Structure formats: C-alpha cells, structure tokens
Amino acid sequence: MDSVRDYQQYVGAYSEDFLKIKLDRSYYSRIREHAIERAERKAQEELHRRDGNQEFKRIMTGCLGEAALEQLFGMDIINWEIGDSKNFNSPDIPGYRVGIKAVEQGKYPLIFKENYYPQIMCIVSNKSWDTVFVCGLATVDVLNTYQDDRLVLDPNVLRRGTKTGFYGYGQLVPVETIDDIEIYKK
C-alpha cells in the first residue's frame, strides 16, 4: 500500500469519465445562503462546537453535490430544513437508498467505516465553485473495501474512529440518469 495515496493515480486518472455539471448562478447563491444558515445552526451542536472550524465549507460542498444531481436527474434533492445533524443521517436521494458524497477537488471524501447504502461521488471544483463533477456510484462493497484512514485530514474525525477516507474511484459505476440507480428504489 502507498504511504500516501497519490490523488492523480486514485482520482485524476478516472476524471475523463466524470460528468461536468455547471450550476445556475442564482441557484448557487440560494445554496450559499442556506449553507450559511445551516452552519450557524450547527455551531450550537456539541459535536460541531468541537470540530466545526470548516462547517460552512463542508455544508456548501455537500449541497453543491446535491444540486448537481438535482440538475442531472431533474428532481428536488436538497433538504432545505435546518435541524440537528442526528436527524439527517440517511440516504440523500428521495425515494432511493442512495447517498451523495461531495468533496472539494484535491481531497478524498470521508465515508463511514461501515456503509449500508451506496453513495454517488461528486467533486466540487476548487477553481469554480459552481462546477461539480459527478464521478459515479460506489456500491456498499466498494465503499467498505476502498478505505484508508491516512486520507482523513482532520485529527478530530480520525480520533472518533467512525469515518475514513474513500479512494475507489476506479470502481465507480457511471451515473447519467435517474434510471441508472433504479435498482436502489425504495
């Protein structure tokens, strides 16, 4: 195993297969306002008081991934409610047992060490935050196999021991329409 996983080898090598989604500017602004409100609300939660230093950026990145899939699938996905995090740990796509995991370009996404439903991986461009790359779907087996704790940048997350970094981009199943995840319909 590599001492440090090379981003170009584990992610960039597959980027030709990613779908590029450009988000509408006004929708981007609405998402930004929502992310600010959610970050302020989460700052009151115990877990987020301990390691909430990048709260806005994490929320914004997640919402942008959801927005890209809204545009791709032609359906509402973003949950505009604001509440305790414990009430929002479930699959992201309404009517499907599928989550969405978005990460900033150049970083690896954090996933649970034990996963129970697949995730569609998205990368948010760090050059233009209104550009998102839909990378593909990671099955439960792929999520539970292609993990590496050395990809976790936040020592607080690592210390809790429930999350790890995902690097299995070469194993992703292409996703272009809602029909591509039909087998995961509830």
Protein backbone atom coordinates (compact mmCIF):
# COMPACT_ATOMS: atom_id res chain seq x y z
CA MET A 1 0.00 0.00 0.00
CA ASP A 2 1.20 3.52 -0.75
CA SER A 3 2.49 5.60 2.16
CA VAL A 4 0.28 8.43 0.88
CA ARG A 5 -2.32 7.84 -1.82
CA ASP A 6 -1.48 9.88 -4.91
CA TYR A 7 -4.54 11.92 -5.94
CA GLN A 8 -3.70 11.77 -9.65
CA GLN A 9 -3.38 7.98 -9.53
CA TYR A 10 -6.52 7.28 -7.48
CA VAL A 11 -8.83 10.06 -8.71
CA GLY A 12 -7.41 12.08 -11.59
CA ALA A 13 -6.75 9.01 -13.72
CA TYR A 14 -10.53 8.47 -13.96
CA SER A 15 -11.58 12.10 -14.46
CA GLU A 16 -12.28 11.66 -18.20
CA ASP A 17 -15.30 9.56 -17.16
CA PHE A 18 -16.76 12.20 -14.81
CA LEU A 19 -19.79 14.26 -15.85
CA LYS A 20 -19.24 18.02 -15.62
CA ILE A 21 -22.25 19.94 -14.28
CA LYS A 22 -22.34 23.75 -14.33
CA LEU A 23 -24.80 25.15 -11.77
CA ASP A 24 -27.07 28.13 -12.34
CA ARG A 25 -25.64 31.26 -10.65
CA SER A 26 -28.88 32.24 -8.87
CA TYR A 27 -29.33 28.69 -7.53
CA TYR A 28 -25.71 28.74 -6.37
CA SER A 29 -26.47 31.94 -4.41
CA ARG A 30 -29.53 30.36 -2.79
CA ILE A 31 -27.44 27.35 -1.75
CA ARG A 32 -24.78 29.64 -0.30
CA GLU A 33 -27.35 31.45 1.87
CA HIS A 34 -28.74 28.11 3.04
CA ALA A 35 -25.25 26.86 3.91
CA ILE A 36 -24.60 29.99 6.00
CA GLU A 37 -27.84 29.43 7.95
CA ARG A 38 -27.09 25.74 8.50
CA ALA A 39 -23.52 26.44 9.62
CA GLU A 40 -24.80 28.96 12.17
CA ARG A 41 -27.33 26.41 13.46
CA LYS A 42 -24.80 23.57 13.62
CA ALA A 43 -22.40 25.74 15.59
CA GLN A 44 -24.78 25.22 18.52
CA GLU A 45 -24.47 21.41 18.45
CA GLU A 46 -21.93 19.75 20.77
CA LEU A 47 -20.18 17.74 18.05
CA HIS A 48 -19.82 20.78 15.83
CA ARG A 49 -18.55 23.01 18.64
CA ARG A 50 -15.66 20.57 19.00
CA ASP A 51 -14.65 20.43 15.33
CA GLY A 52 -16.74 22.91 13.40
CA ASN A 53 -13.90 25.00 12.05
CA GLN A 54 -14.78 24.21 8.43
CA GLU A 55 -18.55 23.85 8.88
CA PHE A 56 -19.68 26.29 6.17
CA LYS A 57 -17.32 24.82 3.58
CA ARG A 58 -18.46 21.23 4.33
CA ILE A 59 -22.15 22.16 4.13
CA MET A 60 -21.65 24.18 0.96
CA THR A 61 -19.71 21.36 -0.70
CA GLY A 62 -22.40 18.81 0.20
CA CYS A 63 -25.22 21.00 -1.07
CA LEU A 64 -23.40 21.66 -4.34
CA GLY A 65 -23.07 17.91 -4.93
CA GLU A 66 -26.81 17.53 -4.28
CA ALA A 67 -27.57 20.45 -6.63
CA ALA A 68 -25.54 18.83 -9.42
CA LEU A 69 -27.58 15.65 -9.08
CA GLU A 70 -30.80 17.66 -8.96
CA GLN A 71 -29.84 19.12 -12.32
CA LEU A 72 -28.73 15.76 -13.72
CA PHE A 73 -31.82 13.84 -12.54
CA GLY A 74 -34.39 16.64 -12.90
CA MET A 75 -35.67 16.25 -9.34
CA ASP A 76 -35.51 18.01 -5.96
CA ILE A 77 -32.87 16.55 -3.65
CA ILE A 78 -31.62 19.30 -1.32
CA ASN A 79 -33.36 19.22 2.05
CA TRP A 80 -33.85 22.90 2.89
CA GLU A 81 -34.80 22.17 6.53
CA ILE A 82 -32.37 23.18 9.22
CA GLY A 83 -32.15 20.99 12.32
CA ASP A 84 -29.97 18.66 14.39
CA SER A 85 -27.46 16.60 12.39
CA LYS A 86 -28.63 13.36 14.01
CA ASN A 87 -31.95 13.74 12.15
CA PHE A 88 -30.28 13.92 8.73
CA ASN A 89 -28.12 10.78 8.60
CA SER A 90 -29.99 8.93 5.85
CA PRO A 91 -29.81 8.43 2.07
CA ASP A 92 -29.94 11.78 0.24
CA ILE A 93 -31.99 10.97 -2.86
CA PRO A 94 -35.73 10.91 -2.09
CA GLY A 95 -37.29 7.52 -2.87
CA TYR A 96 -33.90 5.79 -3.25
CA ARG A 97 -31.44 4.10 -0.91
CA VAL A 98 -28.57 6.18 -2.30
CA GLY A 99 -26.48 8.89 -0.68
CA ILE A 100 -24.44 11.67 -2.21
CA LYS A 101 -20.89 12.31 -1.11
CA ALA A 102 -19.32 15.54 -2.35
CA VAL A 103 -15.77 16.63 -1.72
CA GLU A 104 -13.60 19.56 -2.65
CA GLN A 105 -11.25 18.90 -5.55
CA GLY A 106 -7.87 17.63 -4.36
CA LYS A 107 -9.29 15.89 -1.28
CA TYR A 108 -10.71 12.46 -0.63
CA PRO A 109 -14.30 12.11 0.62
CA LEU A 110 -14.98 10.96 4.17
CA ILE A 111 -17.23 7.94 4.48
CA PHE A 112 -18.35 5.76 7.37
CA LYS A 113 -16.12 2.77 8.03
CA GLU A 114 -19.20 0.58 7.71
CA ASN A 115 -21.65 1.56 4.97
CA TYR A 116 -25.20 0.32 4.43
CA TYR A 117 -26.21 2.08 1.22
CA PRO A 118 -24.32 3.23 -1.90
CA GLN A 119 -23.05 6.77 -2.46
CA ILE A 120 -22.77 8.83 -5.63
CA MET A 121 -19.38 10.55 -5.51
CA CYS A 122 -19.08 14.18 -6.62
CA ILE A 123 -16.14 16.54 -6.76
CA VAL A 124 -16.64 20.30 -6.44
CA SER A 125 -14.17 22.30 -8.50
CA ASN A 126 -11.91 24.47 -6.37
CA LYS A 127 -11.41 26.77 -9.36
CA SER A 128 -15.09 27.47 -9.96
CA TRP A 129 -17.40 26.52 -7.09
CA ASP A 130 -20.38 26.39 -9.44
CA THR A 131 -18.84 23.44 -11.30
CA VAL A 132 -19.36 19.90 -9.97
CA PHE A 133 -18.09 16.62 -11.39
CA VAL A 134 -20.39 13.62 -10.93
CA CYS A 135 -17.92 10.75 -10.68
CA GLY A 136 -20.18 7.70 -10.34
CA LEU A 137 -21.78 5.39 -7.80
CA ALA A 138 -19.83 3.47 -5.17
CA THR A 139 -21.63 0.30 -4.12
CA VAL A 140 -21.64 -0.76 -0.47
CA ASP A 141 -18.92 -3.34 -1.19
CA VAL A 142 -16.74 -0.73 -2.89
CA LEU A 143 -17.26 1.75 -0.03
CA ASN A 144 -16.36 -0.86 2.56
CA THR A 145 -13.28 -2.02 0.64
CA TYR A 146 -11.55 1.13 -0.68
CA GLN A 147 -10.89 2.94 2.59
CA ASP A 148 -7.80 4.45 4.14
CA ASP A 149 -7.58 6.33 7.45
CA ARG A 150 -4.48 8.17 6.20
CA LEU A 151 -6.76 10.15 3.86
CA VAL A 152 -8.56 11.79 6.82
CA LEU A 153 -7.14 15.30 7.27
CA ASP A 154 -8.95 16.26 10.48
CA PRO A 155 -7.40 14.66 13.60
CA ASN A 156 -10.69 15.06 15.49
CA VAL A 157 -12.54 12.97 12.88
CA LEU A 158 -9.78 10.37 12.95
CA ARG A 159 -9.86 10.22 16.75
CA ARG A 160 -13.60 9.45 16.78
CA GLY A 161 -12.86 6.37 14.65
CA THR A 162 -16.16 6.19 12.75
CA LYS A 163 -15.08 7.72 9.42
CA THR A 164 -12.31 7.08 6.94
CA GLY A 165 -11.21 8.29 3.50
CA PHE A 166 -12.50 6.77 0.23
CA TYR A 167 -10.23 6.20 -2.77
CA GLY A 168 -12.03 3.66 -5.02
CA TYR A 169 -12.76 5.95 -7.98
CA GLY A 170 -11.66 3.25 -10.42
CA GLN A 171 -14.52 1.06 -9.15
CA LEU A 172 -17.36 3.58 -9.59
CA VAL A 173 -20.43 2.72 -11.67
CA PRO A 174 -21.28 5.50 -14.17
CA VAL A 175 -24.40 7.53 -13.39
CA GLU A 176 -26.01 9.74 -16.04
CA THR A 177 -29.76 9.50 -15.37
CA ILE A 178 -32.07 8.53 -12.52
CA ASP A 179 -32.61 5.22 -14.35
CA ASP A 180 -29.00 4.31 -13.51
CA ILE A 181 -29.94 3.95 -9.83
CA GLU A 182 -33.34 2.31 -10.37
CA ILE A 183 -32.25 -0.88 -8.59
CA TYR A 184 -31.93 1.17 -5.37
CA LYS A 185 -35.51 2.44 -5.44
CA LYS A 186 -37.25 2.13 -2.07
